[in-house]
Structure formats: C-alpha cells, structure tokens
Amino acid sequence: MFAFLVLHFVTGKGGPSRDFYKILGIAKSASPAEIKKAYRALSLKWHPDKNPDDPTAVDKFTDVSSAYEALSDPDKRRKYDKCGEECLNEPENQGGMNPFGDIFGNFFG
C-alpha cells in the first residue's frame, strides 16, 4: 500500500511514468514537425467534445497534451529524455542560489 501511495504521489497517475513518445506514436528521433503532426491528429481524435460517450477520452486527451507539452519544448524534452516525467515535475533551480555560500558571505564578507 505504501509503495502505491508513493508512486501515486510521484507520478500523479498511480502508476509508472508515462512514455510520451509511445503516447504520440513517434520515434525518439522525431522532429518538431513530426511531434506537432502527431499531437494534432491525436488531440482531434481524443478531444472530449468529440467523444462524449467515451469515459477514457479525457484521460487520453490529457496524456496527449502532456506529451506534446513536454516534447515540443527543447528544454523539457532534454529533461524528459534524461530521466523521464519525474524530472519535469521537479521545481526549477531558484536562480542558482547557494544558501550556504550566501549565509557565509553575509557573515564573513
């Protein structure tokens, strides 16, 4: 039970990290144009307004949107390729501030 809760908290989905390339049906070497083309086709296919009777459409549309958001941005794509969706959920470094260096700098000039 504890492992499920931790996994749910980390991924927000209760399961392993999503494979954005698989969700969009593209290769890891896909160009920005290929990513955009796949996103457009799948977002139209799974849009909740076009699938009002399909309860899974919202989840699929959300996955497609998340995949596009991550893979269409070069910095996010690099992070995702490095260590998966978990890296995308980590907070950004707050200006590169080193709290220890700043504290010692304040005391010792």
PDB file of N, CA and C in Angstrom:
ATOM      1  N   MET A   1       0.825  -1.187   0.000  1.00  0.00           N
ATOM      2  CA  MET A   1       0.000   0.000   0.000  1.00  0.00           C
ATOM      3  C   MET A   1       0.873   1.257   0.000  1.00  0.00           C
ATOM      4  N   PHE A   2       1.926   1.256   0.819  1.00  0.00           N
ATOM      5  CA  PHE A   2       2.813   2.415   0.906  1.00  0.00           C
ATOM      6  C   PHE A   2       3.458   2.695  -0.444  1.00  0.00           C
ATOM      7  N   ALA A   3       3.905   1.641  -1.141  1.00  0.00           N
ATOM      8  CA  ALA A   3       4.543   1.815  -2.445  1.00  0.00           C
ATOM      9  C   ALA A   3       3.569   2.443  -3.438  1.00  0.00           C
ATOM     10  N   PHE A   4       2.311   2.027  -3.420  1.00  0.00           N
ATOM     11  CA  PHE A   4       1.315   2.605  -4.313  1.00  0.00           C
ATOM     12  C   PHE A   4       1.130   4.090  -4.021  1.00  0.00           C
ATOM     13  N   LEU A   5       1.056   4.465  -2.753  1.00  0.00           N
ATOM     14  CA  LEU A   5       0.869   5.864  -2.389  1.00  0.00           C
ATOM     15  C   LEU A   5       2.056   6.714  -2.830  1.00  0.00           C
ATOM     16  N   VAL A   6       3.261   6.196  -2.641  1.00  0.00           N
ATOM     17  CA  VAL A   6       4.451   6.924  -3.065  1.00  0.00           C
ATOM     18  C   VAL A   6       4.439   7.076  -4.578  1.00  0.00           C
ATOM     19  N   LEU A   7       4.148   5.995  -5.297  1.00  0.00           N
ATOM     20  CA  LEU A   7       4.108   6.035  -6.747  1.00  0.00           C
ATOM     21  C   LEU A   7       3.034   7.001  -7.235  1.00  0.00           C
ATOM     22  N   HIS A   8       1.888   6.990  -6.582  1.00  0.00           N
ATOM     23  CA  HIS A   8       0.806   7.904  -6.946  1.00  0.00           C
ATOM     24  C   HIS A   8       1.224   9.354  -6.720  1.00  0.00           C
ATOM     25  N   PHE A   9       1.904   9.617  -5.627  1.00  0.00           N
ATOM     26  CA  PHE A   9       2.340  10.978  -5.322  1.00  0.00           C
ATOM     27  C   PHE A   9       3.377  11.455  -6.317  1.00  0.00           C
ATOM     28  N   VAL A  10       4.330  10.607  -6.657  1.00  0.00           N
ATOM     29  CA  VAL A  10       5.426  10.990  -7.549  1.00  0.00           C
ATOM     30  C   VAL A  10       4.933  11.226  -8.967  1.00  0.00           C
ATOM     31  N   THR A  11       4.109  10.345  -9.509  1.00  0.00           N
ATOM     32  CA  THR A  11       3.693  10.458 -10.901  1.00  0.00           C
ATOM     33  C   THR A  11       2.370  11.170 -11.078  1.00  0.00           C
ATOM     34  N   GLY A  12       1.584  11.224 -10.027  1.00  0.00           N
ATOM     35  CA  GLY A  12       0.282  11.849 -10.145  1.00  0.00           C
ATOM     36  C   GLY A  12      -0.729  10.971 -10.862  1.00  0.00           C
ATOM     37  N   LYS A  13      -0.351   9.756 -11.258  1.00  0.00           N
ATOM     38  CA  LYS A  13      -1.242   8.879 -12.001  1.00  0.00           C
ATOM     39  C   LYS A  13      -1.420   7.521 -11.315  1.00  0.00           C
ATOM     40  N   GLY A  14      -0.663   7.252 -10.257  1.00  0.00           N
ATOM     41  CA  GLY A  14      -0.796   5.977  -9.573  1.00  0.00           C
ATOM     42  C   GLY A  14      -0.096   4.847 -10.295  1.00  0.00           C
ATOM     43  N   GLY A  15       0.756   5.129 -11.245  1.00  0.00           N
ATOM     44  CA  GLY A  15       1.457   4.097 -11.983  1.00  0.00           C
ATOM     45  C   GLY A  15       2.811   4.599 -12.417  1.00  0.00           C
ATOM     46  N   PRO A  16       3.460   3.814 -13.266  1.00  0.00           N
ATOM     47  CA  PRO A  16       4.782   4.229 -13.719  1.00  0.00           C
ATOM     48  C   PRO A  16       4.708   5.467 -14.611  1.00  0.00           C
ATOM     49  N   SER A  17       5.841   6.076 -14.809  1.00  0.00           N
ATOM     50  CA  SER A  17       5.941   7.263 -15.647  1.00  0.00           C
ATOM     51  C   SER A  17       5.416   6.963 -17.049  1.00  0.00           C
ATOM     52  N   ARG A  18       4.741   7.931 -17.632  1.00  0.00           N
ATOM     53  CA  ARG A  18       4.181   7.740 -18.973  1.00  0.00           C
ATOM     54  C   ARG A  18       5.285   7.863 -20.029  1.00  0.00           C
ATOM     55  N   ASP A  19       5.162   7.073 -21.085  1.00  0.00           N
ATOM     56  CA  ASP A  19       6.095   7.132 -22.213  1.00  0.00           C
ATOM     57  C   ASP A  19       5.495   8.077 -23.241  1.00  0.00           C
ATOM     58  N   PHE A  20       5.954   9.322 -23.243  1.00  0.00           N
ATOM     59  CA  PHE A  20       5.384  10.337 -24.109  1.00  0.00           C
ATOM     60  C   PHE A  20       5.567  10.020 -25.590  1.00  0.00           C
ATOM     61  N   TYR A  21       6.670   9.379 -25.941  1.00  0.00           N
ATOM     62  CA  TYR A  21       6.887   9.018 -27.341  1.00  0.00           C
ATOM     63  C   TYR A  21       5.864   7.971 -27.788  1.00  0.00           C
ATOM     64  N   LYS A  22       5.597   7.031 -26.910  1.00  0.00           N
ATOM     65  CA  LYS A  22       4.619   5.982 -27.218  1.00  0.00           C
ATOM     66  C   LYS A  22       3.207   6.575 -27.289  1.00  0.00           C
ATOM     67  N   ILE A  23       2.906   7.495 -26.391  1.00  0.00           N
ATOM     68  CA  ILE A  23       1.586   8.125 -26.383  1.00  0.00           C
ATOM     69  C   ILE A  23       1.323   8.825 -27.717  1.00  0.00           C
ATOM     70  N   LEU A  24       2.325   9.534 -28.235  1.00  0.00           N
ATOM     71  CA  LEU A  24       2.166  10.235 -29.504  1.00  0.00           C
ATOM     72  C   LEU A  24       2.414   9.337 -30.717  1.00  0.00           C
ATOM     73  N   GLY A  25       2.933   8.125 -30.484  1.00  0.00           N
ATOM     74  CA  GLY A  25       3.191   7.193 -31.582  1.00  0.00           C
ATOM     75  C   GLY A  25       4.327   7.641 -32.480  1.00  0.00           C
ATOM     76  N   ILE A  26       5.370   8.197 -31.864  1.00  0.00           N
ATOM     77  CA  ILE A  26       6.512   8.704 -32.630  1.00  0.00           C
ATOM     78  C   ILE A  26       7.805   8.087 -32.113  1.00  0.00           C
ATOM     79  N   ALA A  27       8.851   8.215 -32.921  1.00  0.00           N
ATOM     80  CA  ALA A  27      10.180   7.736 -32.523  1.00  0.00           C
ATOM     81  C   ALA A  27      10.859   8.795 -31.661  1.00  0.00           C
ATOM     82  N   LYS A  28      11.848   8.368 -30.878  1.00  0.00           N
ATOM     83  CA  LYS A  28      12.607   9.320 -30.060  1.00  0.00           C
ATOM     84  C   LYS A  28      13.358  10.328 -30.917  1.00  0.00           C
ATOM     85  N   SER A  29      13.595   9.998 -32.143  1.00  0.00           N
ATOM     86  CA  SER A  29      14.307  10.899 -33.047  1.00  0.00           C
ATOM     87  C   SER A  29      13.364  11.816 -33.827  1.00  0.00           C
ATOM     88  N   ALA A  30      12.097  11.853 -33.463  1.00  0.00           N
ATOM     89  CA  ALA A  30      11.102  12.638 -34.192  1.00  0.00           C
ATOM     90  C   ALA A  30      11.457  14.122 -34.205  1.00  0.00           C
ATOM     91  N   SER A  31      11.197  14.746 -35.328  1.00  0.00           N
ATOM     92  CA  SER A  31      11.445  16.176 -35.482  1.00  0.00           C
ATOM     93  C   SER A  31      10.306  16.966 -34.835  1.00  0.00           C
ATOM     94  N   PRO A  32      10.523  18.260 -34.596  1.00  0.00           N
ATOM     95  CA  PRO A  32       9.429  19.088 -34.059  1.00  0.00           C
ATOM     96  C   PRO A  32       8.173  19.053 -34.938  1.00  0.00           C
ATOM     97  N   ALA A  33       8.346  18.997 -36.246  1.00  0.00           N
ATOM     98  CA  ALA A  33       7.193  18.930 -37.150  1.00  0.00           C
ATOM     99  C   ALA A  33       6.430  17.610 -36.984  1.00  0.00           C
ATOM    100  N   GLU A  34       7.160  16.512 -36.792  1.00  0.00           N
ATOM    101  CA  GLU A  34       6.517  15.205 -36.587  1.00  0.00           C
ATOM    102  C   GLU A  34       5.770  15.165 -35.252  1.00  0.00           C
ATOM    103  N   ILE A  35       6.352  15.789 -34.236  1.00  0.00           N
ATOM    104  CA  ILE A  35       5.705  15.844 -32.925  1.00  0.00           C
ATOM    105  C   ILE A  35       4.391  16.628 -33.027  1.00  0.00           C
ATOM    106  N   LYS A  36       4.452  17.759 -33.703  1.00  0.00           N
ATOM    107  CA  LYS A  36       3.273  18.612 -33.856  1.00  0.00           C
ATOM    108  C   LYS A  36       2.177  17.899 -34.660  1.00  0.00           C
ATOM    109  N   LYS A  37       2.571  17.213 -35.722  1.00  0.00           N
ATOM    110  CA  LYS A  37       1.617  16.491 -36.564  1.00  0.00           C
ATOM    111  C   LYS A  37       0.914  15.383 -35.771  1.00  0.00           C
ATOM    112  N   ALA A  38       1.691  14.629 -35.004  1.00  0.00           N
ATOM    113  CA  ALA A  38       1.114  13.553 -34.193  1.00  0.00           C
ATOM    114  C   ALA A  38       0.175  14.126 -33.126  1.00  0.00           C
ATOM    115  N   TYR A  39       0.591  15.211 -32.501  1.00  0.00           N
ATOM    116  CA  TYR A  39      -0.250  15.844 -31.476  1.00  0.00           C
ATOM    117  C   TYR A  39      -1.576  16.304 -32.068  1.00  0.00           C
ATOM    118  N   ARG A  40      -1.517  16.980 -33.193  1.00  0.00           N
ATOM    119  CA  ARG A  40      -2.750  17.493 -33.808  1.00  0.00           C
ATOM    120  C   ARG A  40      -3.723  16.365 -34.131  1.00  0.00           C
ATOM    121  N   ALA A  41      -3.212  15.294 -34.720  1.00  0.00           N
ATOM    122  CA  ALA A  41      -4.074  14.171 -35.089  1.00  0.00           C
ATOM    123  C   ALA A  41      -4.701  13.525 -33.853  1.00  0.00           C
ATOM    124  N   LEU A  42      -3.881  13.283 -32.823  1.00  0.00           N
ATOM    125  CA  LEU A  42      -4.392  12.601 -31.628  1.00  0.00           C
ATOM    126  C   LEU A  42      -5.273  13.504 -30.762  1.00  0.00           C
ATOM    127  N   SER A  43      -4.969  14.790 -30.730  1.00  0.00           N
ATOM    128  CA  SER A  43      -5.810  15.679 -29.932  1.00  0.00           C
ATOM    129  C   SER A  43      -7.197  15.810 -30.562  1.00  0.00           C
ATOM    130  N   LEU A  44      -7.258  15.791 -31.883  1.00  0.00           N
ATOM    131  CA  LEU A  44      -8.566  15.787 -32.547  1.00  0.00           C
ATOM    132  C   LEU A  44      -9.305  14.469 -32.307  1.00  0.00           C
ATOM    133  N   LYS A  45      -8.557  13.379 -32.373  1.00  0.00           N
ATOM    134  CA  LYS A  45      -9.168  12.056 -32.187  1.00  0.00           C
ATOM    135  C   LYS A  45      -9.737  11.888 -30.778  1.00  0.00           C
ATOM    136  N   TRP A  46      -9.008  12.344 -29.747  1.00  0.00           N
ATOM    137  CA  TRP A  46      -9.408  12.089 -28.363  1.00  0.00           C
ATOM    138  C   TRP A  46     -10.043  13.283 -27.661  1.00  0.00           C
ATOM    139  N   HIS A  47     -10.326  14.348 -28.390  1.00  0.00           N
ATOM    140  CA  HIS A  47     -10.921  15.518 -27.738  1.00  0.00           C
ATOM    141  C   HIS A  47     -12.232  15.111 -27.069  1.00  0.00           C
ATOM    142  N   PRO A  48     -12.421  15.490 -25.804  1.00  0.00           N
ATOM    143  CA  PRO A  48     -13.627  15.090 -25.070  1.00  0.00           C
ATOM    144  C   PRO A  48     -14.938  15.533 -25.734  1.00  0.00           C
ATOM    145  N   ASP A  49     -14.916  16.652 -26.428  1.00  0.00           N
ATOM    146  CA  ASP A  49     -16.142  17.100 -27.106  1.00  0.00           C
ATOM    147  C   ASP A  49     -16.531  16.185 -28.265  1.00  0.00           C
ATOM    148  N   LYS A  50     -15.556  15.534 -28.857  1.00  0.00           N
ATOM    149  CA  LYS A  50     -15.831  14.607 -29.960  1.00  0.00           C
ATOM    150  C   LYS A  50     -16.140  13.197 -29.465  1.00  0.00           C
ATOM    151  N   ASN A  51     -15.882  12.945 -28.190  1.00  0.00           N
ATOM    152  CA  ASN A  51     -16.088  11.618 -27.605  1.00  0.00           C
ATOM    153  C   ASN A  51     -16.884  11.716 -26.306  1.00  0.00           C
ATOM    154  N   PRO A  52     -18.071  12.292 -26.339  1.00  0.00           N
ATOM    155  CA  PRO A  52     -18.805  12.495 -25.087  1.00  0.00           C
ATOM    156  C   PRO A  52     -19.220  11.200 -24.388  1.00  0.00           C
ATOM    157  N   ASP A  53     -19.313  10.101 -25.144  1.00  0.00           N
ATOM    158  CA  ASP A  53     -19.734   8.828 -24.553  1.00  0.00           C
ATOM    159  C   ASP A  53     -18.569   7.930 -24.152  1.00  0.00           C
ATOM    160  N   ASP A  54     -17.332   8.403 -24.365  1.00  0.00           N
ATOM    161  CA  ASP A  54     -16.148   7.608 -24.033  1.00  0.00           C
ATOM    162  C   ASP A  54     -15.511   8.171 -22.761  1.00  0.00           C
ATOM    163  N   PRO A  55     -15.649   7.456 -21.636  1.00  0.00           N
ATOM    164  CA  PRO A  55     -15.094   7.964 -20.377  1.00  0.00           C
ATOM    165  C   PRO A  55     -13.567   8.011 -20.350  1.00  0.00           C
ATOM    166  N   THR A  56     -12.901   7.306 -21.260  1.00  0.00           N
ATOM    167  CA  THR A  56     -11.434   7.318 -21.288  1.00  0.00           C
ATOM    168  C   THR A  56     -10.879   8.458 -22.142  1.00  0.00           C
ATOM    169  N   ALA A  57     -11.737   9.132 -22.882  1.00  0.00           N
ATOM    170  CA  ALA A  57     -11.279  10.174 -23.798  1.00  0.00           C
ATOM    171  C   ALA A  57     -10.565  11.306 -23.065  1.00  0.00           C
ATOM    172  N   VAL A  58     -11.067  11.689 -21.916  1.00  0.00           N
ATOM    173  CA  VAL A  58     -10.450  12.788 -21.160  1.00  0.00           C
ATOM    174  C   VAL A  58      -9.028  12.418 -20.755  1.00  0.00           C
ATOM    175  N   ASP A  59      -8.845  11.200 -20.244  1.00  0.00           N
ATOM    176  CA  ASP A  59      -7.507  10.752 -19.837  1.00  0.00           C
ATOM    177  C   ASP A  59      -6.564  10.677 -21.029  1.00  0.00           C
ATOM    178  N   LYS A  60      -7.044  10.156 -22.137  1.00  0.00           N
ATOM    179  CA  LYS A  60      -6.200  10.040 -23.330  1.00  0.00           C
ATOM    180  C   LYS A  60      -5.837  11.425 -23.867  1.00  0.00           C
ATOM    181  N   PHE A  61      -6.803  12.333 -23.884  1.00  0.00           N
ATOM    182  CA  PHE A  61      -6.549  13.695 -24.339  1.00  0.00           C
ATOM    183  C   PHE A  61      -5.537  14.386 -23.428  1.00  0.00           C
ATOM    184  N   THR A  62      -5.665  14.167 -22.123  1.00  0.00           N
ATOM    185  CA  THR A  62      -4.724  14.741 -21.156  1.00  0.00           C
ATOM    186  C   THR A  62      -3.319  14.195 -21.372  1.00  0.00           C
ATOM    187  N   ASP A  63      -3.209  12.885 -21.600  1.00  0.00           N
ATOM    188  CA  ASP A  63      -1.901  12.279 -21.859  1.00  0.00           C
ATOM    189  C   ASP A  63      -1.272  12.849 -23.129  1.00  0.00           C
ATOM    190  N   VAL A  64      -2.061  12.983 -24.180  1.00  0.00           N
ATOM    191  CA  VAL A  64      -1.560  13.526 -25.450  1.00  0.00           C
ATOM    192  C   VAL A  64      -1.092  14.966 -25.248  1.00  0.00           C
ATOM    193  N   SER A  65      -1.863  15.741 -24.516  1.00  0.00           N
ATOM    194  CA  SER A  65      -1.495  17.142 -24.262  1.00  0.00           C
ATOM    195  C   SER A  65      -0.224  17.245 -23.429  1.00  0.00           C
ATOM    196  N   SER A  66      -0.105  16.395 -22.412  1.00  0.00           N
ATOM    197  CA  SER A  66       1.101  16.393 -21.580  1.00  0.00           C
ATOM    198  C   SER A  66       2.324  15.997 -22.389  1.00  0.00           C
ATOM    199  N   ALA A  67       2.153  14.996 -23.245  1.00  0.00           N
ATOM    200  CA  ALA A  67       3.259  14.541 -24.082  1.00  0.00           C
ATOM    201  C   ALA A  67       3.712  15.657 -25.010  1.00  0.00           C
ATOM    202  N   TYR A  68       2.771  16.343 -25.620  1.00  0.00           N
ATOM    203  CA  TYR A  68       3.128  17.427 -26.526  1.00  0.00           C
ATOM    204  C   TYR A  68       3.801  18.575 -25.783  1.00  0.00           C
ATOM    205  N   GLU A  69       3.278  18.902 -24.626  1.00  0.00           N
ATOM    206  CA  GLU A  69       3.873  19.988 -23.834  1.00  0.00           C
ATOM    207  C   GLU A  69       5.333  19.703 -23.517  1.00  0.00           C
ATOM    208  N   ALA A  70       5.625  18.451 -23.163  1.00  0.00           N
ATOM    209  CA  ALA A  70       6.995  18.092 -22.804  1.00  0.00           C
ATOM    210  C   ALA A  70       7.910  17.979 -24.020  1.00  0.00           C
ATOM    211  N   LEU A  71       7.429  17.366 -25.087  1.00  0.00           N
ATOM    212  CA  LEU A  71       8.298  17.073 -26.221  1.00  0.00           C
ATOM    213  C   LEU A  71       8.429  18.229 -27.209  1.00  0.00           C
ATOM    214  N   SER A  72       7.520  19.183 -27.169  1.00  0.00           N
ATOM    215  CA  SER A  72       7.602  20.302 -28.106  1.00  0.00           C
ATOM    216  C   SER A  72       8.545  21.393 -27.615  1.00  0.00           C
ATOM    217  N   ASP A  73       8.876  21.378 -26.344  1.00  0.00           N
ATOM    218  CA  ASP A  73       9.806  22.353 -25.773  1.00  0.00           C
ATOM    219  C   ASP A  73      11.186  21.692 -25.673  1.00  0.00           C
ATOM    220  N   PRO A  74      12.203  22.242 -26.337  1.00  0.00           N
ATOM    221  CA  PRO A  74      13.522  21.595 -26.347  1.00  0.00           C
ATOM    222  C   PRO A  74      14.116  21.352 -24.950  1.00  0.00           C
ATOM    223  N   ASP A  75      13.955  22.299 -24.028  1.00  0.00           N
ATOM    224  CA  ASP A  75      14.496  22.106 -22.685  1.00  0.00           C
ATOM    225  C   ASP A  75      13.750  21.010 -21.930  1.00  0.00           C
ATOM    226  N   LYS A  76      12.430  21.016 -22.021  1.00  0.00           N
ATOM    227  CA  LYS A  76      11.640  19.976 -21.350  1.00  0.00           C
ATOM    228  C   LYS A  76      11.917  18.610 -21.970  1.00  0.00           C
ATOM    229  N   ARG A  77      12.089  18.580 -23.284  1.00  0.00           N
ATOM    230  CA  ARG A  77      12.373  17.310 -23.958  1.00  0.00           C
ATOM    231  C   ARG A  77      13.707  16.740 -23.488  1.00  0.00           C
ATOM    232  N   ARG A  78      14.716  17.605 -23.352  1.00  0.00           N
ATOM    233  CA  ARG A  78      16.018  17.150 -22.855  1.00  0.00           C
ATOM    234  C   ARG A  78      15.886  16.562 -21.451  1.00  0.00           C
ATOM    235  N   LYS A  79      15.140  17.255 -20.594  1.00  0.00           N
ATOM    236  CA  LYS A  79      14.922  16.756 -19.232  1.00  0.00           C
ATOM    237  C   LYS A  79      14.192  15.420 -19.257  1.00  0.00           C
ATOM    238  N   TYR A  80      13.148  15.331 -20.070  1.00  0.00           N
ATOM    239  CA  TYR A  80      12.370  14.094 -20.160  1.00  0.00           C
ATOM    240  C   TYR A  80      13.242  12.945 -20.664  1.00  0.00           C
ATOM    241  N   ASP A  81      14.036  13.208 -21.684  1.00  0.00           N
ATOM    242  CA  ASP A  81      14.905  12.165 -22.229  1.00  0.00           C
ATOM    243  C   ASP A  81      15.945  11.716 -21.218  1.00  0.00           C
ATOM    244  N   LYS A  82      16.353  12.619 -20.352  1.00  0.00           N
ATOM    245  CA  LYS A  82      17.377  12.297 -19.358  1.00  0.00           C
ATOM    246  C   LYS A  82      16.847  11.362 -18.276  1.00  0.00           C
ATOM    247  N   CYS A  83      15.685  11.674 -17.710  1.00  0.00           N
ATOM    248  CA  CYS A  83      15.211  10.831 -16.599  1.00  0.00           C
ATOM    249  C   CYS A  83      13.697  10.711 -16.501  1.00  0.00           C
ATOM    250  N   GLY A  84      12.990  10.983 -17.568  1.00  0.00           N
ATOM    251  CA  GLY A  84      11.561  10.724 -17.591  1.00  0.00           C
ATOM    252  C   GLY A  84      10.708  11.846 -17.020  1.00  0.00           C
ATOM    253  N   GLU A  85       9.455  11.520 -16.861  1.00  0.00           N
ATOM    254  CA  GLU A  85       8.456  12.506 -16.434  1.00  0.00           C
ATOM    255  C   GLU A  85       8.744  13.072 -15.050  1.00  0.00           C
ATOM    256  N   GLU A  86       9.400  12.300 -14.207  1.00  0.00           N
ATOM    257  CA  GLU A  86       9.710  12.763 -12.856  1.00  0.00           C
ATOM    258  C   GLU A  86      10.544  14.037 -12.878  1.00  0.00           C
ATOM    259  N   CYS A  87      11.472  14.140 -13.823  1.00  0.00           N
ATOM    260  CA  CYS A  87      12.320  15.337 -13.928  1.00  0.00           C
ATOM    261  C   CYS A  87      11.503  16.567 -14.295  1.00  0.00           C
ATOM    262  N   LEU A  88      10.433  16.377 -15.037  1.00  0.00           N
ATOM    263  CA  LEU A  88       9.602  17.513 -15.431  1.00  0.00           C
ATOM    264  C   LEU A  88       8.830  18.073 -14.250  1.00  0.00           C
ATOM    265  N   ASN A  89       8.585  17.238 -13.249  1.00  0.00           N
ATOM    266  CA  ASN A  89       7.808  17.661 -12.087  1.00  0.00           C
ATOM    267  C   ASN A  89       8.658  18.284 -10.994  1.00  0.00           C
ATOM    268  N   GLU A  90       9.992  18.226 -11.150  1.00  0.00           N
ATOM    269  CA  GLU A  90      10.882  18.819 -10.154  1.00  0.00           C
ATOM    270  C   GLU A  90      10.863  20.333 -10.288  1.00  0.00           C
ATOM    271  N   PRO A  91      10.876  21.045  -9.159  1.00  0.00           N
ATOM    272  CA  PRO A  91      10.915  22.508  -9.247  1.00  0.00           C
ATOM    273  C   PRO A  91      12.219  22.978  -9.869  1.00  0.00           C
ATOM    274  N   GLU A  92      12.127  24.075 -10.592  1.00  0.00           N
ATOM    275  CA  GLU A  92      13.316  24.647 -11.220  1.00  0.00           C
ATOM    276  C   GLU A  92      14.241  25.203 -10.154  1.00  0.00           C
ATOM    277  N   ASN A  93      15.526  25.242 -10.473  1.00  0.00           N
ATOM    278  CA  ASN A  93      16.515  25.835  -9.576  1.00  0.00           C
ATOM    279  C   ASN A  93      16.190  27.319  -9.428  1.00  0.00           C
ATOM    280  N   GLN A  94      16.083  27.789  -8.242  1.00  0.00           N
ATOM    281  CA  GLN A  94      15.685  29.165  -7.969  1.00  0.00           C
ATOM    282  C   GLN A  94      16.856  30.124  -8.143  1.00  0.00           C
ATOM    283  N   GLY A  95      17.235  30.391  -9.359  1.00  0.00           N
ATOM    284  CA  GLY A  95      18.282  31.364  -9.640  1.00  0.00           C
ATOM    285  C   GLY A  95      19.682  30.914  -9.303  1.00  0.00           C
ATOM    286  N   GLY A  96      19.886  29.645  -9.037  1.00  0.00           N
ATOM    287  CA  GLY A  96      21.214  29.146  -8.754  1.00  0.00           C
ATOM    288  C   GLY A  96      21.759  29.601  -7.417  1.00  0.00           C
ATOM    289  N   MET A  97      20.906  29.974  -6.507  1.00  0.00           N
ATOM    290  CA  MET A  97      21.351  30.470  -5.212  1.00  0.00           C
ATOM    291  C   MET A  97      21.912  29.331  -4.367  1.00  0.00           C
ATOM    292  N   ASN A  98      23.058  29.549  -3.778  1.00  0.00           N
ATOM    293  CA  ASN A  98      23.666  28.595  -2.875  1.00  0.00           C
ATOM    294  C   ASN A  98      23.428  29.105  -1.462  1.00  0.00           C
ATOM    295  N   PRO A  99      22.527  28.485  -0.683  1.00  0.00           N
ATOM    296  CA  PRO A  99      22.209  29.023   0.631  1.00  0.00           C
ATOM    297  C   PRO A  99      23.402  29.057   1.578  1.00  0.00           C
ATOM    298  N   PHE A 100      24.304  28.075   1.457  1.00  0.00           N
ATOM    299  CA  PHE A 100      25.461  28.051   2.352  1.00  0.00           C
ATOM    300  C   PHE A 100      26.438  29.160   2.007  1.00  0.00           C
ATOM    301  N   GLY A 101      26.682  29.341   0.718  1.00  0.00           N
ATOM    302  CA  GLY A 101      27.580  30.404   0.288  1.00  0.00           C
ATOM    303  C   GLY A 101      27.043  31.777   0.651  1.00  0.00           C
ATOM    304  N   ASP A 102      25.733  31.966   0.515  1.00  0.00           N
ATOM    305  CA  ASP A 102      25.137  33.255   0.830  1.00  0.00           C
ATOM    306  C   ASP A 102      25.171  33.538   2.326  1.00  0.00           C
ATOM    307  N   ILE A 103      24.930  32.529   3.143  1.00  0.00           N
ATOM    308  CA  ILE A 103      24.957  32.716   4.600  1.00  0.00           C
ATOM    309  C   ILE A 103      26.369  33.072   5.047  1.00  0.00           C
ATOM    310  N   PHE A 104      27.366  32.304   4.576  1.00  0.00           N
ATOM    311  CA  PHE A 104      28.738  32.579   4.965  1.00  0.00           C
ATOM    312  C   PHE A 104      29.211  33.909   4.411  1.00  0.00           C
ATOM    313  N   GLY A 105      28.747  34.239   3.201  1.00  0.00           N
ATOM    314  CA  GLY A 105      29.114  35.523   2.614  1.00  0.00           C
ATOM    315  C   GLY A 105      28.578  36.695   3.431  1.00  0.00           C
ATOM    316  N   ASN A 106      27.376  36.526   3.976  1.00  0.00           N
ATOM    317  CA  ASN A 106      26.794  37.597   4.800  1.00  0.00           C
ATOM    318  C   ASN A 106      27.556  37.783   6.102  1.00  0.00           C
ATOM    319  N   PHE A 107      28.024  36.690   6.670  1.00  0.00           N
ATOM    320  CA  PHE A 107      28.717  36.792   7.938  1.00  0.00           C
ATOM    321  C   PHE A 107      30.190  37.218   7.793  1.00  0.00           C
ATOM    322  N   PHE A 108      30.836  36.693   6.755  1.00  0.00           N
ATOM    323  CA  PHE A 108      32.263  36.881   6.612  1.00  0.00           C
ATOM    324  C   PHE A 108      32.672  37.809   5.468  1.00  0.00           C
ATOM    325  N   GLY A 109      31.708  38.451   4.821  1.00  0.00           N
ATOM    326  CA  GLY A 109      32.010  39.388   3.730  1.00  0.00           C
ATOM    327  C   GLY A 109      32.398  38.659   2.516  1.00  0.00           C
TER     328      GLY A 109
END
